[in-house]
Protein backbone atom coordinates (compact mmCIF):
# COMPACT_ATOMS: atom_id res chain seq x y z
CA MET A 1 47.86 119.48 -64.60
CA SER A 2 46.18 116.59 -62.76
CA LEU A 3 47.56 116.40 -59.21
CA HIS A 4 45.98 115.21 -55.99
CA LEU A 5 46.72 113.60 -52.62
CA GLU A 6 45.19 110.66 -50.80
CA PHE A 7 45.85 109.79 -47.14
CA TRP A 8 45.68 106.12 -46.12
CA GLY A 9 47.49 105.98 -42.79
CA ALA A 10 48.56 108.07 -39.78
CA VAL A 11 45.51 110.24 -40.42
CA ASP A 12 44.02 109.93 -36.94
CA SER A 13 46.94 108.26 -35.17
CA VAL A 14 50.73 108.16 -34.99
CA THR A 15 51.23 104.82 -36.73
CA GLY A 16 50.86 103.33 -40.20
CA SER A 17 52.01 106.33 -42.24
CA MET A 18 50.93 105.97 -45.86
CA HIS A 19 50.03 108.71 -48.36
CA VAL A 20 49.68 108.79 -52.14
CA VAL A 21 50.61 111.55 -54.60
CA GLU A 22 48.86 111.03 -57.94
CA PHE A 23 50.29 113.01 -60.86
CA GLU A 24 48.97 112.62 -64.41
CA GLY A 25 47.55 109.21 -63.53
CA LEU A 26 50.77 107.85 -61.96
CA ARG A 27 50.78 107.11 -58.23
CA VAL A 28 53.76 107.70 -55.92
CA LEU A 29 53.60 106.40 -52.36
CA LEU A 30 54.93 108.46 -49.46
CA GLU A 31 55.80 105.96 -46.66
CA CYS A 32 54.57 102.41 -46.17
CA GLY A 33 54.35 102.00 -42.41
CA LEU A 34 52.96 99.34 -40.12
CA PHE A 35 49.83 100.21 -38.19
CA GLN A 36 50.31 99.37 -34.50
CA GLY A 37 47.45 98.95 -32.04
CA ARG A 38 44.94 96.24 -31.18
CA ARG A 39 46.15 92.95 -32.64
CA SER A 40 43.08 92.11 -34.76
CA GLU A 41 42.72 95.62 -36.20
CA SER A 42 46.46 95.87 -36.87
CA ARG A 43 46.56 92.60 -38.80
CA GLU A 44 43.58 93.55 -40.96
CA ARG A 45 44.90 97.03 -41.81
CA ASN A 46 48.45 95.85 -42.49
CA LEU A 47 47.47 92.80 -44.54
CA ASN A 48 45.08 94.55 -46.94
CA PHE A 49 46.16 97.68 -48.79
CA PRO A 50 43.49 100.24 -49.78
CA PHE A 51 44.97 100.30 -53.30
CA GLU A 52 46.52 97.80 -55.69
CA PRO A 53 50.26 97.62 -54.91
CA ASP A 54 51.13 96.88 -58.54
CA GLU A 55 49.56 100.24 -59.51
CA ILE A 56 52.07 102.21 -57.41
CA HIS A 57 54.86 103.60 -59.57
CA SER A 58 57.42 104.22 -56.80
CA CYS A 59 57.79 104.97 -53.11
CA VAL A 60 59.52 107.83 -51.29
CA LEU A 61 60.53 106.87 -47.76
CA SER A 62 61.35 109.53 -45.16
CA HIS A 63 63.03 107.28 -42.57
CA ALA A 64 63.39 103.76 -41.25
CA HIS A 65 61.07 103.68 -38.24
CA ILE A 66 58.68 100.74 -38.57
CA ASP A 67 55.55 102.91 -38.44
CA HIS A 68 56.85 104.49 -41.66
CA SER A 69 58.68 101.60 -43.39
CA GLY A 70 57.48 98.37 -41.81
CA ASN A 71 54.92 97.25 -44.41
CA ILE A 72 57.26 97.53 -47.39
CA PRO A 73 57.89 93.74 -47.56
CA ASN A 74 54.14 93.15 -47.76
CA LEU A 75 53.82 95.83 -50.47
CA VAL A 76 56.47 94.09 -52.59
CA LYS A 77 55.02 90.66 -51.82
CA LYS A 78 51.65 91.85 -53.17
CA GLY A 79 52.96 93.10 -56.49
CA PHE A 80 54.82 96.41 -56.13
CA GLU A 81 57.78 96.42 -58.54
CA GLY A 82 58.88 100.06 -58.37
CA THR A 83 61.82 101.82 -56.75
CA ILE A 84 61.90 102.83 -53.08
CA PHE A 85 63.82 106.11 -52.82
CA ALA A 86 65.50 106.82 -49.45
CA THR A 87 68.71 108.23 -48.04
CA ARG A 88 71.67 105.87 -47.88
CA ALA A 89 71.50 105.67 -44.09
CA THR A 90 67.77 104.85 -44.25
CA GLN A 91 68.48 102.13 -46.80
CA ASP A 92 71.08 100.57 -44.49
CA LEU A 93 68.82 100.83 -41.43
CA CYS A 94 65.93 99.20 -43.28
CA GLY A 95 68.22 96.31 -44.12
CA ALA A 96 68.42 95.56 -40.39
CA MET A 97 64.94 96.64 -39.36
CA LEU A 98 62.83 94.88 -41.97
CA ARG A 99 64.66 91.60 -41.34
CA ASP A 100 64.03 92.02 -37.62
CA SER A 101 60.37 92.85 -38.25
CA ALA A 102 60.00 89.69 -40.35
CA LYS A 103 61.50 87.62 -37.54
CA ILE A 104 58.94 89.08 -35.12
CA HIS A 105 56.03 88.34 -37.50
CA GLU A 106 57.22 84.77 -37.96
CA HIS A 107 57.62 84.30 -34.21
CA ASP A 108 54.20 85.82 -33.44
CA ALA A 109 52.49 83.62 -36.03
CA SER A 110 54.18 80.54 -34.59
CA TRP A 111 53.09 81.44 -31.05
CA LEU A 112 49.50 82.18 -32.14
CA ASN A 113 49.31 78.97 -34.15
CA LYS A 114 50.24 76.87 -31.11
CA ARG A 115 47.29 78.41 -29.28
CA ALA A 116 45.03 78.07 -32.33
CA GLN A 117 45.90 74.38 -32.62
CA ARG A 118 44.84 73.79 -29.01
CA GLN A 119 41.56 75.61 -29.71
CA GLY A 120 40.91 73.77 -32.97
CA LYS A 121 41.24 76.95 -35.07
CA PRO A 122 42.96 77.21 -38.48
CA PRO A 123 46.59 78.45 -38.56
CA ILE A 124 47.52 81.95 -39.70
CA GLU A 125 50.36 83.09 -41.93
CA PRO A 126 52.83 85.77 -40.79
CA LEU A 127 52.24 89.18 -42.33
CA TYR A 128 55.50 88.58 -44.16
CA THR A 129 58.54 86.34 -43.82
CA MET A 130 62.30 86.82 -43.75
CA GLU A 131 62.35 85.86 -47.43
CA ASP A 132 59.80 88.61 -48.19
CA ALA A 133 61.79 91.18 -46.23
CA GLU A 134 65.04 90.35 -47.98
CA ALA A 135 63.35 90.41 -51.40
CA SER A 136 62.03 93.93 -50.74
CA LEU A 137 65.54 95.27 -50.10
CA TYR A 138 66.33 94.94 -53.82
CA ASN A 139 63.79 97.71 -54.49
CA PHE A 140 65.73 100.31 -52.46
CA HIS A 141 67.80 103.05 -54.03
CA GLY A 142 69.92 105.12 -51.62
CA LEU A 143 70.60 108.81 -52.25
CA ALA A 144 72.45 111.68 -50.62
CA TYR A 145 70.95 114.76 -48.99
CA GLY A 146 70.68 117.82 -51.18
CA ARG A 147 71.00 116.01 -54.53
CA PRO A 148 67.87 116.32 -56.72
CA PHE A 149 66.71 113.12 -58.44
CA HIS A 150 63.91 112.37 -60.89
CA ILE A 151 61.09 109.99 -59.99
CA LEU A 152 59.24 110.83 -63.21
CA ARG A 153 60.18 113.12 -66.06
CA HIS A 154 58.30 116.02 -64.45
CA LEU A 155 58.52 114.90 -60.83
CA ARG A 156 61.78 115.70 -59.10
CA CYS A 157 62.65 115.14 -55.43
CA THR A 158 65.35 116.43 -53.08
CA PHE A 159 66.03 115.06 -49.59
CA HIS A 160 66.80 117.53 -46.79
CA ASP A 161 67.92 116.44 -43.32
CA ALA A 162 64.92 116.09 -40.97
CA GLY A 163 67.08 115.69 -37.85
CA HIS A 164 64.73 113.02 -36.42
CA ILE A 165 66.79 109.81 -36.64
CA LEU A 166 69.82 108.76 -38.64
CA GLY A 167 69.03 109.25 -42.33
CA SER A 168 65.63 110.88 -41.79
CA ALA A 169 64.61 113.17 -44.63
CA ILE A 170 62.24 115.95 -45.51
CA SER A 171 61.09 115.31 -49.09
CA HIS A 172 60.81 118.32 -51.41
CA LEU A 173 58.83 117.29 -54.49
CA GLU A 174 58.79 119.54 -57.57
CA ILE A 175 55.85 118.44 -59.72
CA GLY A 176 55.11 119.63 -63.25
CA GLU A 177 57.06 122.17 -65.27
CA GLY A 178 57.28 125.90 -65.92
CA ALA A 179 54.54 128.10 -64.50
CA GLN A 180 52.52 125.00 -63.57
CA ARG A 181 55.22 123.58 -61.29
CA HIS A 182 53.92 122.68 -57.83
CA HIS A 183 56.18 122.42 -54.79
CA LEU A 184 55.16 119.82 -52.20
CA VAL A 185 57.12 119.37 -48.97
CA PHE A 186 56.59 116.32 -46.76
CA THR A 187 58.29 116.45 -43.36
CA GLY A 188 58.06 112.75 -42.47
CA ASP A 189 58.85 112.93 -38.76
CA LEU A 190 60.48 116.26 -38.00
CA GLY A 191 63.30 116.44 -35.47
CA ARG A 192 64.13 119.00 -32.81
CA GLN A 193 66.72 121.74 -32.64
CA ASN A 194 70.03 121.11 -30.84
CA MET A 195 69.53 117.39 -30.22
CA PRO A 196 72.63 115.26 -29.66
CA ILE A 197 74.29 113.17 -32.39
CA LEU A 198 72.34 114.49 -35.39
CA ARG A 199 72.25 117.79 -37.24
CA ASN A 200 69.37 120.24 -36.89
CA PRO A 201 66.46 119.93 -39.34
CA GLN A 202 66.99 121.74 -42.63
CA ILE A 203 64.30 123.90 -44.22
CA PRO A 204 63.63 123.53 -47.99
CA PRO A 205 63.52 126.61 -50.24
CA GLY A 206 59.72 126.82 -50.07
CA ALA A 207 56.47 125.06 -50.87
CA ASP A 208 52.93 125.50 -52.14
CA THR A 209 51.70 122.51 -50.09
CA LEU A 210 53.10 121.17 -46.81
CA ILE A 211 52.33 117.75 -45.32
CA MET A 212 53.52 117.93 -41.72
CA GLU A 213 53.52 115.60 -38.73
CA SER A 214 51.71 116.73 -35.56
CA THR A 215 52.67 114.19 -32.88
CA TYR A 216 53.41 116.83 -30.24
CA GLY A 217 51.28 119.60 -31.71
CA ASN A 218 49.76 120.52 -28.36
CA ARG A 219 52.80 120.60 -26.08
CA CYS A 220 56.35 121.81 -25.66
CA HIS A 221 59.18 119.58 -24.55
CA VAL A 222 61.43 120.04 -21.56
CA PRO A 223 64.63 121.69 -22.88
CA VAL A 224 67.18 119.27 -24.29
CA GLY A 225 69.76 120.54 -21.80
CA ASP A 226 67.74 119.02 -18.92
CA THR A 227 67.95 115.47 -20.29
CA ARG A 228 70.90 114.19 -18.28
CA ARG A 229 69.65 115.80 -15.07
CA GLN A 230 66.24 114.19 -15.58
CA MET A 231 67.81 110.82 -16.29
CA LEU A 232 69.95 110.97 -13.14
CA GLU A 233 67.02 112.11 -10.98
CA ALA A 234 65.06 109.07 -12.16
CA ILE A 235 67.80 106.45 -12.33
CA GLY A 236 69.84 107.35 -9.23
CA PRO A 237 67.25 106.59 -6.52
CA ALA A 238 66.22 103.29 -8.17
CA LEU A 239 69.82 102.05 -8.30
CA ALA A 240 70.44 103.26 -4.73
CA ARG A 241 67.58 101.14 -3.42
CA GLY A 242 68.97 98.08 -5.20
CA GLY A 243 66.57 98.09 -8.13
CA LYS A 244 66.82 97.50 -11.83
CA VAL A 245 66.13 100.28 -14.32
CA ILE A 246 64.19 99.06 -17.36
CA ILE A 247 64.10 101.42 -20.34
CA PRO A 248 61.84 100.44 -23.26
CA SER A 249 63.45 101.94 -26.32
CA PHE A 250 63.18 102.09 -30.08
CA SER A 251 66.19 100.38 -31.60
CA VAL A 252 66.76 103.22 -34.07
CA GLY A 253 67.60 106.61 -32.67
CA ARG A 254 66.30 106.41 -29.12
CA THR A 255 68.64 103.63 -27.97
CA GLN A 256 71.70 105.36 -29.41
CA GLU A 257 70.63 108.66 -27.83
CA ILE A 258 70.16 107.07 -24.38
CA VAL A 259 73.57 105.40 -24.65
CA TYR A 260 75.11 108.70 -25.76
CA HIS A 261 73.78 110.50 -22.66
CA LEU A 262 74.78 107.65 -20.32
CA ARG A 263 78.27 107.73 -21.83
CA HIS A 264 78.59 111.42 -20.96
CA LEU A 265 77.34 110.80 -17.41
CA TRP A 266 79.80 107.91 -17.04
CA HIS A 267 82.76 110.03 -18.18
CA GLU A 268 81.64 112.80 -15.78
CA ASP A 269 81.60 110.25 -12.88
CA ALA A 270 77.91 111.04 -12.35
CA LEU A 271 76.58 107.62 -13.37
CA PRO A 272 76.85 104.88 -10.69
CA ARG A 273 79.26 102.16 -11.82
CA VAL A 274 76.57 99.56 -12.49
CA PRO A 275 76.29 97.27 -15.53
CA VAL A 276 74.40 98.76 -18.45
CA PHE A 277 72.94 96.38 -21.03
CA VAL A 278 71.54 97.10 -24.48
CA ASP A 279 69.48 93.93 -24.88
CA SER A 280 68.33 93.87 -28.48
CA PRO A 281 70.02 92.26 -31.48
CA LEU A 282 68.44 94.92 -33.67
CA SER A 283 69.84 97.72 -31.51
CA VAL A 284 73.31 96.17 -31.82
CA ASN A 285 72.98 96.00 -35.62
CA VAL A 286 71.57 99.51 -35.84
CA THR A 287 74.36 100.95 -33.70
CA GLU A 288 76.85 99.50 -36.20
CA VAL A 289 74.95 101.30 -38.98
CA PHE A 290 75.22 104.53 -36.97
CA ARG A 291 78.99 104.10 -36.82
CA HIS A 292 79.13 103.90 -40.64
CA HIS A 293 77.23 107.14 -41.30
CA PRO A 294 79.14 110.01 -39.68
CA GLU A 295 77.93 112.26 -42.51
CA CYS A 296 74.67 112.54 -40.52
CA TYR A 297 76.35 113.67 -37.27
CA ASP A 298 76.51 117.10 -35.74
CA ARG A 299 79.85 118.74 -34.98
CA GLU A 300 80.07 117.54 -31.34
CA THR A 301 79.63 113.89 -32.27
CA ARG A 302 82.09 114.16 -35.15
CA ASP A 303 84.62 115.65 -32.69
CA ILE A 304 84.16 112.65 -30.38
CA LEU A 305 84.84 110.31 -33.30
CA LEU A 306 88.07 112.19 -34.06
CA ALA A 307 89.25 112.20 -30.43
CA GLU A 308 92.27 110.09 -29.52
CA GLY A 309 93.11 107.71 -26.69
CA ASN A 310 91.42 105.44 -24.15
CA GLY A 311 88.59 104.42 -26.43
CA ALA A 312 87.00 107.81 -25.87
CA ASN A 313 86.18 108.14 -29.54
CA ASP A 314 83.15 105.82 -29.49
CA PRO A 315 79.95 107.85 -29.00
CA PHE A 316 78.06 104.61 -28.32
CA GLY A 317 80.33 102.83 -25.84
CA PHE A 318 81.84 103.04 -22.34
CA ALA A 319 83.41 100.64 -19.86
CA THR A 320 80.32 99.23 -18.12
CA LEU A 321 78.16 99.03 -21.27
CA GLN A 322 77.45 95.64 -22.85
CA TYR A 323 75.54 94.92 -26.06
CA VAL A 324 73.56 91.66 -25.86
CA ARG A 325 72.76 89.62 -28.96
CA ASP A 326 72.48 86.10 -27.59
CA VAL A 327 69.04 85.00 -26.36
CA GLU A 328 70.50 82.93 -23.53
CA ARG A 329 72.44 85.94 -22.26
CA SER A 330 69.22 87.96 -22.46
CA LYS A 331 67.45 85.38 -20.29
CA GLU A 332 70.28 85.57 -17.75
CA LEU A 333 69.59 89.28 -17.26
CA ASN A 334 66.19 88.42 -15.80
CA GLY A 335 67.96 86.49 -13.03
CA LEU A 336 70.29 89.34 -12.05
CA THR A 337 69.72 90.56 -8.50
CA MET A 338 72.20 93.46 -8.59
CA PRO A 339 71.32 97.03 -9.59
CA CYS A 340 71.66 97.51 -13.35
CA ILE A 341 70.23 99.35 -16.34
CA ILE A 342 68.58 97.39 -19.17
CA ILE A 343 67.68 99.14 -22.42
CA SER A 344 65.53 96.94 -24.63
CA SER A 345 63.04 97.02 -27.49
CA SER A 346 60.34 97.37 -28.60
CA GLY A 347 59.85 101.03 -27.76
CA MET A 348 56.08 100.80 -27.25
CA CYS A 349 56.38 97.54 -25.28
CA GLU A 350 54.34 95.58 -27.82
CA ALA A 351 56.86 92.86 -28.73
CA GLY A 352 60.40 91.67 -28.23
CA ARG A 353 62.67 91.19 -25.23
CA ILE A 354 61.31 94.20 -23.31
CA LEU A 355 58.19 92.18 -22.48
CA HIS A 356 60.25 89.55 -20.64
CA HIS A 357 62.11 92.23 -18.67
CA LEU A 358 58.86 93.98 -17.74
CA ARG A 359 57.24 90.72 -16.67
CA ASN A 360 60.18 89.99 -14.37
CA THR A 361 60.48 93.46 -12.79
CA ILE A 362 57.07 95.15 -12.85
CA GLU A 363 55.84 93.80 -9.51
CA ASP A 364 58.93 94.82 -7.48
CA SER A 365 58.74 98.32 -6.00
CA ARG A 366 62.55 98.70 -5.99
CA ASN A 367 62.60 98.77 -9.78
CA LEU A 368 62.05 101.64 -12.20
CA ILE A 369 60.41 101.60 -15.63
CA LEU A 370 61.62 104.69 -17.47
CA ILE A 371 59.40 105.83 -20.37
CA THR A 372 61.32 108.12 -22.71
CA GLY A 373 59.03 108.80 -25.66
CA HIS A 374 55.55 108.97 -27.13
CA MET A 375 53.43 105.83 -26.75
CA ALA A 376 50.65 105.17 -29.26
CA GLN A 377 47.11 104.48 -28.13
CA ASN A 378 46.22 100.90 -27.15
CA THR A 379 49.83 99.89 -26.47
CA LEU A 380 51.31 98.52 -23.25
CA GLY A 381 53.71 101.46 -23.17
CA ARG A 382 50.77 103.88 -23.23
CA ARG A 383 49.05 102.07 -20.36
CA LEU A 384 52.23 102.21 -18.28
CA ALA A 385 52.74 105.91 -19.05
CA GLU A 386 49.12 106.64 -18.06
CA GLY A 387 49.64 105.00 -14.67
CA HIS A 388 47.47 101.90 -14.95
CA GLU A 389 47.67 99.88 -11.75
CA GLU A 390 47.40 96.56 -13.60
CA VAL A 391 48.51 95.59 -17.12
CA ARG A 392 48.56 92.40 -19.14
CA ILE A 393 51.86 90.95 -20.37
CA PHE A 394 51.76 87.82 -22.53
CA GLY A 395 48.05 87.68 -21.77
CA GLU A 396 48.51 87.53 -18.01
CA PRO A 397 47.63 90.30 -15.50
CA HIS A 398 50.43 91.97 -13.52
CA ARG A 399 50.22 94.57 -10.75
CA VAL A 400 52.36 97.62 -11.48
CA ARG A 401 54.38 97.99 -8.28
CA ALA A 402 57.57 99.25 -9.91
CA GLU A 403 58.02 102.99 -10.13
CA VAL A 404 57.09 104.38 -13.56
CA ARG A 405 58.64 107.68 -14.67
CA VAL A 406 58.08 109.54 -17.94
CA ILE A 407 60.60 112.03 -19.31
CA THR A 408 59.96 113.96 -22.52
CA SER A 409 63.26 115.73 -23.09
CA LEU A 410 64.52 112.74 -25.07
CA SER A 411 61.77 112.95 -27.66
CA ALA A 412 63.13 113.07 -31.20
CA HIS A 413 59.90 114.66 -32.47
CA ALA A 414 59.52 118.39 -32.96
CA ASP A 415 57.22 119.96 -30.38
CA SER A 416 54.54 122.59 -30.99
CA ASP A 417 56.99 125.50 -31.13
CA ASP A 418 59.33 123.60 -33.46
CA LEU A 419 56.50 122.68 -35.84
CA VAL A 420 55.08 126.18 -35.97
CA GLY A 421 58.56 127.64 -36.42
CA PHE A 422 59.28 125.28 -39.32
CA ALA A 423 56.02 126.16 -41.09
CA VAL A 424 56.46 129.91 -40.51
CA GLU A 425 59.98 129.87 -41.96
CA LEU A 426 58.88 127.75 -44.92
CA ASN A 427 56.03 130.22 -45.55
CA ARG A 428 58.46 133.13 -45.34
CA ARG A 429 60.52 131.63 -48.13
CA HIS A 430 57.48 130.96 -50.33
CA PRO A 431 53.81 131.58 -49.37
CA LEU A 432 52.07 128.32 -48.46
CA ARG A 433 48.64 127.63 -49.90
CA ARG A 434 47.69 124.68 -47.72
CA ILE A 435 49.01 122.58 -44.84
CA PHE A 436 47.93 118.98 -44.22
CA LEU A 437 48.46 117.72 -40.67
CA VAL A 438 49.12 113.99 -40.29
CA HIS A 439 50.77 111.59 -37.82
CA GLY A 440 49.04 112.91 -34.73
CA GLU A 441 46.08 112.15 -32.51
CA GLU A 442 43.04 114.42 -32.59
CA GLU A 443 43.88 116.85 -29.78
CA PRO A 444 47.48 117.58 -30.86
CA ARG A 445 46.34 118.05 -34.46
CA ARG A 446 43.53 120.42 -33.45
CA ALA A 447 45.78 122.51 -31.21
CA LEU A 448 48.50 122.76 -33.85
CA ALA A 449 45.98 123.72 -36.53
CA GLU A 450 44.75 126.61 -34.38
CA ARG A 451 48.28 127.91 -33.87
CA LEU A 452 49.12 127.63 -37.56
CA ARG A 453 45.95 129.45 -38.65
CA ALA A 454 46.90 132.31 -36.33
CA GLU A 455 50.40 132.55 -37.86
CA ILE A 456 50.03 131.69 -41.56
CA PRO A 457 47.34 132.72 -44.10
CA ALA A 458 47.13 129.19 -45.53
CA GLU A 459 44.39 126.58 -45.47
CA VAL A 460 45.12 124.10 -42.64
CA ILE A 461 43.53 120.68 -43.16
CA SER A 462 43.24 117.55 -41.03
CA PRO A 463 42.73 115.08 -43.88
CA GLU A 464 40.15 112.29 -43.91
CA MET A 465 41.12 108.70 -44.58
CA GLY A 466 40.88 107.90 -48.29
CA ARG A 467 39.58 111.26 -49.45
CA HIS A 468 41.03 112.82 -52.64
CA TYR A 469 42.46 116.33 -52.25
CA PRO A 470 43.13 118.15 -55.55
CA LEU A 471 46.15 120.46 -55.50
């Protein structure tokens, strides 16, 4: 049986996930994410695939985050005609997210072309357009958790709940037949235990080969139960001194989780009665998708949905919360002088409305910038989290006088203990032969590899970009 893996993204970083399973000469793509980092490098890596898209038979998508799904329109634009297999919730989320991503690419190209025209340089095309994004949605096929489906005659896949964001899936691939059958498990991004809204990650029956993320492979999170206390300890003093609280947030998962916690604090009379704004059209659209997929919820969230009276049965709403779609209303928020909370995308502060809010608040010491998740290298969010005294926004320097706080209890990624526990349990069910660590920077990957080697008698590999690994 001819079977091997190639790794083309998220090998030495946490963006641009893209891996290939080749079986009997047919190539199946795991993920097709956007690489995010320095503008010039990002454009080059996202524009040019390291393989011919029309040679890819199909794609298996773990979840809708842009670093895993965001280059699908470009893949289809360049000749891919196969099926994109995903859960139904992921399919619905991608409908909103890929359109939003296209809008951002079109806007960025327009902005850059105005500058290029002044400098006498040739115009550039957006990575993909709204038309490209909408065309790619016809390639999606949504499936339920726990229902095996065939990609090829001798390649079967089952999605198990990854507990990371709505619709996120662990892919269990059964390749070959009879005694030659090989079991490959790909975690995508693995969630944490006992997080709000979503169910805990499920563990497949077993695997010969595991491809596992390693984002937080060298650290353990603050317990989930401390989240609301941490949020209040950060938010309370800023509001008391008359400041704004600016929370950069991913539109999928993180925004809904923040709103969920604020809702609980509001109902407990712990949250000051200030306006709370979710300023992101995508977040508004995504929250509607959340409301249509209760099959992904844990028991507590389902109980809230079934509650009666006083509007208490909306996990993503409370009296002082407003969702902002309109751009003019978004601009008005920058002129507010009262204490308030503004949750806005993008999560890594690289594009979108969050940049305008940061530009208007970052130099006022009354304000708070609350970082709630992992920030990739070479992003504005990373520079803020690292405590840089000056940052550039829209190309202009700004002194960071606002308070910057980082809390990790909101992270939707498994930490070191979670990752090791998942691999140990998977190995208990069926002895693992090898583990490939992806989607992590060098130090987390190295630390996680050391822990895994101490726990499991399997080969642990940090794969190299483009190298073929026979299974």
